[in-house]
N, C-alpha and C. Protein backbone atom coordinates (compact mmCIF):
# COMPACT_ATOMS: atom_id res chain seq x y z
N UNK A 1 40.06 8.18 123.76
CA UNK A 1 39.40 9.41 123.38
C UNK A 1 40.35 10.19 122.46
N UNK A 2 39.81 10.80 121.41
CA UNK A 2 40.68 11.52 120.49
C UNK A 2 41.05 12.91 121.02
N UNK A 3 42.06 13.47 120.43
CA UNK A 3 42.62 14.74 120.91
C UNK A 3 41.61 15.89 120.81
N UNK A 4 40.82 15.94 119.72
CA UNK A 4 39.84 17.02 119.58
C UNK A 4 38.75 16.94 120.64
N UNK A 5 38.27 15.73 120.91
CA UNK A 5 37.24 15.56 121.94
C UNK A 5 37.81 15.91 123.31
N UNK A 6 39.01 15.46 123.58
CA UNK A 6 39.67 15.76 124.86
C UNK A 6 39.82 17.27 125.03
N UNK A 7 40.23 17.95 123.97
CA UNK A 7 40.37 19.41 124.02
C UNK A 7 39.01 20.08 124.21
N UNK A 8 38.00 19.63 123.45
CA UNK A 8 36.66 20.22 123.53
C UNK A 8 36.05 20.06 124.92
N UNK A 9 36.35 18.96 125.59
CA UNK A 9 35.80 18.71 126.92
C UNK A 9 36.60 19.41 128.03
N UNK A 10 37.65 20.13 127.64
CA UNK A 10 38.39 20.93 128.61
C UNK A 10 39.47 20.18 129.36
N UNK A 11 39.78 18.95 128.92
CA UNK A 11 40.82 18.19 129.60
C UNK A 11 42.22 18.63 129.19
N UNK A 12 42.31 19.41 128.14
CA UNK A 12 43.58 19.97 127.69
C UNK A 12 43.47 21.48 127.78
N UNK A 13 44.37 22.09 128.49
CA UNK A 13 44.37 23.54 128.64
C UNK A 13 45.69 24.06 128.08
N UNK A 14 45.65 24.77 126.93
CA UNK A 14 46.89 25.22 126.31
C UNK A 14 47.70 26.19 127.17
N UNK A 15 47.07 26.83 128.14
CA UNK A 15 47.82 27.79 128.95
C UNK A 15 48.48 27.15 130.17
N UNK A 16 48.18 25.87 130.45
CA UNK A 16 48.85 25.19 131.55
C UNK A 16 50.28 24.88 131.16
N UNK A 17 51.16 25.03 132.12
CA UNK A 17 52.57 24.75 131.85
C UNK A 17 53.10 23.80 132.90
N UNK A 18 53.82 22.81 132.44
CA UNK A 18 54.51 21.90 133.35
C UNK A 18 56.00 22.16 133.18
N UNK A 19 56.69 22.16 134.29
CA UNK A 19 58.13 22.40 134.23
C UNK A 19 58.81 21.62 135.35
N UNK A 20 60.06 21.34 135.13
CA UNK A 20 60.85 20.61 136.12
C UNK A 20 61.10 21.51 137.32
N UNK A 21 61.12 20.91 138.49
CA UNK A 21 61.32 21.67 139.71
C UNK A 21 62.66 22.37 139.78
N UNK A 22 63.65 21.86 139.06
CA UNK A 22 64.97 22.49 139.09
C UNK A 22 65.25 23.30 137.82
N UNK A 23 64.19 23.67 137.12
CA UNK A 23 64.36 24.39 135.85
C UNK A 23 64.63 25.88 136.06
N UNK A 24 65.14 26.51 135.02
CA UNK A 24 65.37 27.96 135.06
C UNK A 24 64.03 28.69 135.23
N UNK A 25 62.99 28.18 134.58
CA UNK A 25 61.66 28.80 134.70
C UNK A 25 61.20 28.82 136.17
N UNK A 26 61.37 27.69 136.85
CA UNK A 26 60.98 27.60 138.26
C UNK A 26 61.76 28.59 139.10
N UNK A 27 63.05 28.72 138.83
CA UNK A 27 63.88 29.67 139.58
C UNK A 27 63.45 31.10 139.35
N UNK A 28 63.14 31.44 138.13
CA UNK A 28 62.69 32.80 137.81
C UNK A 28 61.32 33.07 138.44
N UNK A 29 60.44 32.09 138.36
CA UNK A 29 59.11 32.23 138.96
C UNK A 29 59.21 32.46 140.47
N UNK A 30 60.10 31.72 141.10
CA UNK A 30 60.31 31.87 142.54
C UNK A 30 60.85 33.27 142.86
N UNK A 31 61.77 33.76 142.04
CA UNK A 31 62.34 35.09 142.24
C UNK A 31 61.27 36.17 142.10
N UNK A 32 60.43 36.04 141.09
CA UNK A 32 59.35 37.00 140.88
C UNK A 32 58.41 37.00 142.09
N UNK A 33 58.06 35.82 142.55
CA UNK A 33 57.17 35.69 143.70
C UNK A 33 57.76 36.34 144.95
N UNK A 34 59.04 36.10 145.20
CA UNK A 34 59.72 36.70 146.36
C UNK A 34 59.72 38.22 146.27
N UNK A 35 60.05 38.74 145.10
CA UNK A 35 60.08 40.21 144.92
C UNK A 35 58.70 40.81 145.12
N UNK A 36 57.69 40.14 144.59
CA UNK A 36 56.32 40.64 144.73
C UNK A 36 55.90 40.68 146.20
N UNK A 37 56.20 39.62 146.94
CA UNK A 37 55.87 39.59 148.37
C UNK A 37 56.56 40.70 149.14
N UNK A 38 57.84 40.90 148.87
CA UNK A 38 58.60 41.94 149.56
C UNK A 38 58.06 43.33 149.21
N UNK A 39 57.73 43.51 147.93
CA UNK A 39 57.19 44.80 147.50
C UNK A 39 55.85 45.07 148.18
N UNK A 40 54.96 44.08 148.16
CA UNK A 40 53.65 44.26 148.79
C UNK A 40 53.76 44.56 150.28
N UNK A 41 54.73 43.96 150.94
CA UNK A 41 54.91 44.20 152.37
C UNK A 41 55.30 45.65 152.66
N UNK A 42 55.87 46.32 151.68
CA UNK A 42 56.30 47.70 151.88
C UNK A 42 55.19 48.72 151.59
N UNK A 43 54.03 48.26 151.14
CA UNK A 43 52.95 49.16 150.75
C UNK A 43 51.95 49.38 151.88
N UNK A 44 51.33 50.57 151.87
CA UNK A 44 50.22 50.80 152.79
C UNK A 44 48.95 50.21 152.16
N UNK A 45 47.84 50.25 152.87
CA UNK A 45 46.61 49.59 152.42
C UNK A 45 46.10 50.11 151.07
N UNK A 46 46.12 51.42 150.87
CA UNK A 46 45.62 51.97 149.61
C UNK A 46 46.54 51.59 148.44
N UNK A 47 47.83 51.55 148.71
CA UNK A 47 48.78 51.13 147.68
C UNK A 47 48.62 49.65 147.36
N UNK A 48 48.35 48.83 148.39
CA UNK A 48 48.12 47.41 148.18
C UNK A 48 46.89 47.18 147.30
N UNK A 49 45.86 47.98 147.52
CA UNK A 49 44.64 47.87 146.72
C UNK A 49 44.93 48.23 145.26
N UNK A 50 45.67 49.30 145.05
CA UNK A 50 46.05 49.71 143.69
C UNK A 50 46.93 48.64 143.03
N UNK A 51 47.85 48.08 143.79
CA UNK A 51 48.71 47.03 143.27
C UNK A 51 47.91 45.79 142.90
N UNK A 52 46.90 45.46 143.70
CA UNK A 52 46.03 44.32 143.41
C UNK A 52 45.28 44.56 142.10
N UNK A 53 44.79 45.77 141.88
CA UNK A 53 44.10 46.11 140.62
C UNK A 53 45.07 45.99 139.44
N UNK A 54 46.30 46.44 139.63
CA UNK A 54 47.31 46.32 138.59
C UNK A 54 47.56 44.85 138.25
N UNK A 55 47.71 44.02 139.26
CA UNK A 55 47.94 42.59 139.04
C UNK A 55 46.76 41.94 138.32
N UNK A 56 45.54 42.33 138.69
CA UNK A 56 44.35 41.79 138.02
C UNK A 56 44.34 42.18 136.54
N UNK A 57 44.67 43.44 136.26
CA UNK A 57 44.71 43.91 134.86
C UNK A 57 45.79 43.19 134.07
N UNK A 58 46.96 42.99 134.69
CA UNK A 58 48.05 42.27 134.02
C UNK A 58 47.66 40.82 133.75
N UNK A 59 46.98 40.18 134.69
CA UNK A 59 46.52 38.81 134.49
C UNK A 59 45.54 38.74 133.32
N UNK A 60 44.65 39.71 133.27
CA UNK A 60 43.66 39.74 132.19
C UNK A 60 44.32 39.92 130.82
N UNK A 61 45.26 40.84 130.72
CA UNK A 61 45.94 41.06 129.44
C UNK A 61 46.82 39.87 129.08
N UNK A 62 47.46 39.24 130.07
CA UNK A 62 48.27 38.06 129.80
C UNK A 62 47.41 36.90 129.30
N UNK A 63 46.22 36.74 129.88
CA UNK A 63 45.30 35.70 129.44
C UNK A 63 44.89 35.94 128.00
N UNK A 64 44.58 37.18 127.67
CA UNK A 64 44.22 37.55 126.30
C UNK A 64 45.38 37.27 125.34
N UNK A 65 46.58 37.68 125.73
CA UNK A 65 47.76 37.47 124.89
C UNK A 65 48.04 35.97 124.67
N UNK A 66 47.90 35.17 125.73
CA UNK A 66 48.13 33.74 125.60
C UNK A 66 47.13 33.12 124.62
N UNK A 67 45.88 33.55 124.69
CA UNK A 67 44.86 33.03 123.77
C UNK A 67 45.20 33.41 122.34
N UNK A 68 45.62 34.64 122.13
CA UNK A 68 45.99 35.08 120.78
C UNK A 68 47.21 34.33 120.26
N UNK A 69 48.18 34.10 121.13
CA UNK A 69 49.36 33.34 120.72
C UNK A 69 49.00 31.91 120.37
N UNK A 70 48.08 31.32 121.13
CA UNK A 70 47.63 29.96 120.83
C UNK A 70 46.97 29.91 119.45
N UNK A 71 46.06 30.85 119.20
CA UNK A 71 45.35 30.89 117.92
C UNK A 71 46.34 31.08 116.77
N UNK A 72 47.26 32.02 116.93
CA UNK A 72 48.26 32.27 115.89
C UNK A 72 49.12 31.03 115.65
N UNK A 73 49.56 30.39 116.72
CA UNK A 73 50.36 29.18 116.60
C UNK A 73 49.59 28.05 115.94
N UNK A 74 48.32 27.92 116.27
CA UNK A 74 47.49 26.88 115.67
C UNK A 74 47.34 27.13 114.17
N UNK A 75 47.08 28.37 113.81
CA UNK A 75 46.95 28.71 112.39
C UNK A 75 48.25 28.45 111.64
N UNK A 76 49.36 28.82 112.23
CA UNK A 76 50.66 28.60 111.61
C UNK A 76 50.93 27.10 111.45
N UNK A 77 50.63 26.34 112.49
CA UNK A 77 50.79 24.89 112.42
C UNK A 77 49.92 24.29 111.33
N UNK A 78 48.70 24.81 111.19
CA UNK A 78 47.80 24.33 110.13
C UNK A 78 48.36 24.64 108.75
N UNK A 79 48.97 25.80 108.61
CA UNK A 79 49.60 26.14 107.33
C UNK A 79 50.77 25.20 107.03
N UNK A 80 51.55 24.89 108.07
CA UNK A 80 52.65 23.93 107.88
C UNK A 80 52.10 22.60 107.37
N UNK A 81 51.05 22.12 108.04
CA UNK A 81 50.48 20.83 107.66
C UNK A 81 49.88 20.89 106.25
N UNK A 82 49.22 22.00 105.90
CA UNK A 82 48.63 22.12 104.56
C UNK A 82 49.72 22.05 103.50
N UNK A 83 50.83 22.73 103.74
CA UNK A 83 51.92 22.70 102.78
C UNK A 83 52.54 21.30 102.68
N UNK A 84 52.74 20.67 103.81
CA UNK A 84 53.33 19.33 103.82
C UNK A 84 52.41 18.33 103.13
N UNK A 85 51.14 18.37 103.46
CA UNK A 85 50.19 17.40 102.92
C UNK A 85 49.89 17.63 101.44
N UNK A 86 49.97 18.88 101.00
CA UNK A 86 49.65 19.18 99.60
C UNK A 86 50.80 18.84 98.65
N UNK A 87 51.99 18.77 99.19
CA UNK A 87 53.15 18.51 98.35
C UNK A 87 53.59 19.74 97.56
N UNK A 88 52.89 20.84 97.75
CA UNK A 88 53.24 22.10 97.09
C UNK A 88 54.30 22.78 97.93
N UNK A 89 55.28 23.38 97.28
CA UNK A 89 56.36 24.01 98.02
C UNK A 89 55.99 25.35 98.62
N UNK A 90 54.89 25.92 98.19
CA UNK A 90 54.56 27.27 98.67
C UNK A 90 53.05 27.41 98.79
N UNK A 91 52.57 27.69 99.97
CA UNK A 91 51.15 27.97 100.21
C UNK A 91 51.02 29.49 100.26
N UNK A 92 50.08 30.02 99.51
CA UNK A 92 49.87 31.46 99.49
C UNK A 92 49.00 31.85 100.68
N UNK A 93 49.48 32.78 101.45
CA UNK A 93 48.75 33.23 102.66
C UNK A 93 47.92 34.44 102.31
């Protein structure tokens, strides 16, 4: 199956990330998770509800930002390929 069909069928998700279990990313992610759990444990019910709304809003904006970064990166990559394939040293944007 070609890459475009695989992408169109949803088998490729640009926002998925794979990382090594002993990576710096994994360590930071674990630290964030621990801090979040400890913070939530210190909140009363109304504060927990507000914090949950904050987390939902942050997830939504992060999802939007990731999509925009993907689109921008794809466009930039396309410009790289256009310049390389055209043999022209400068593509006008």
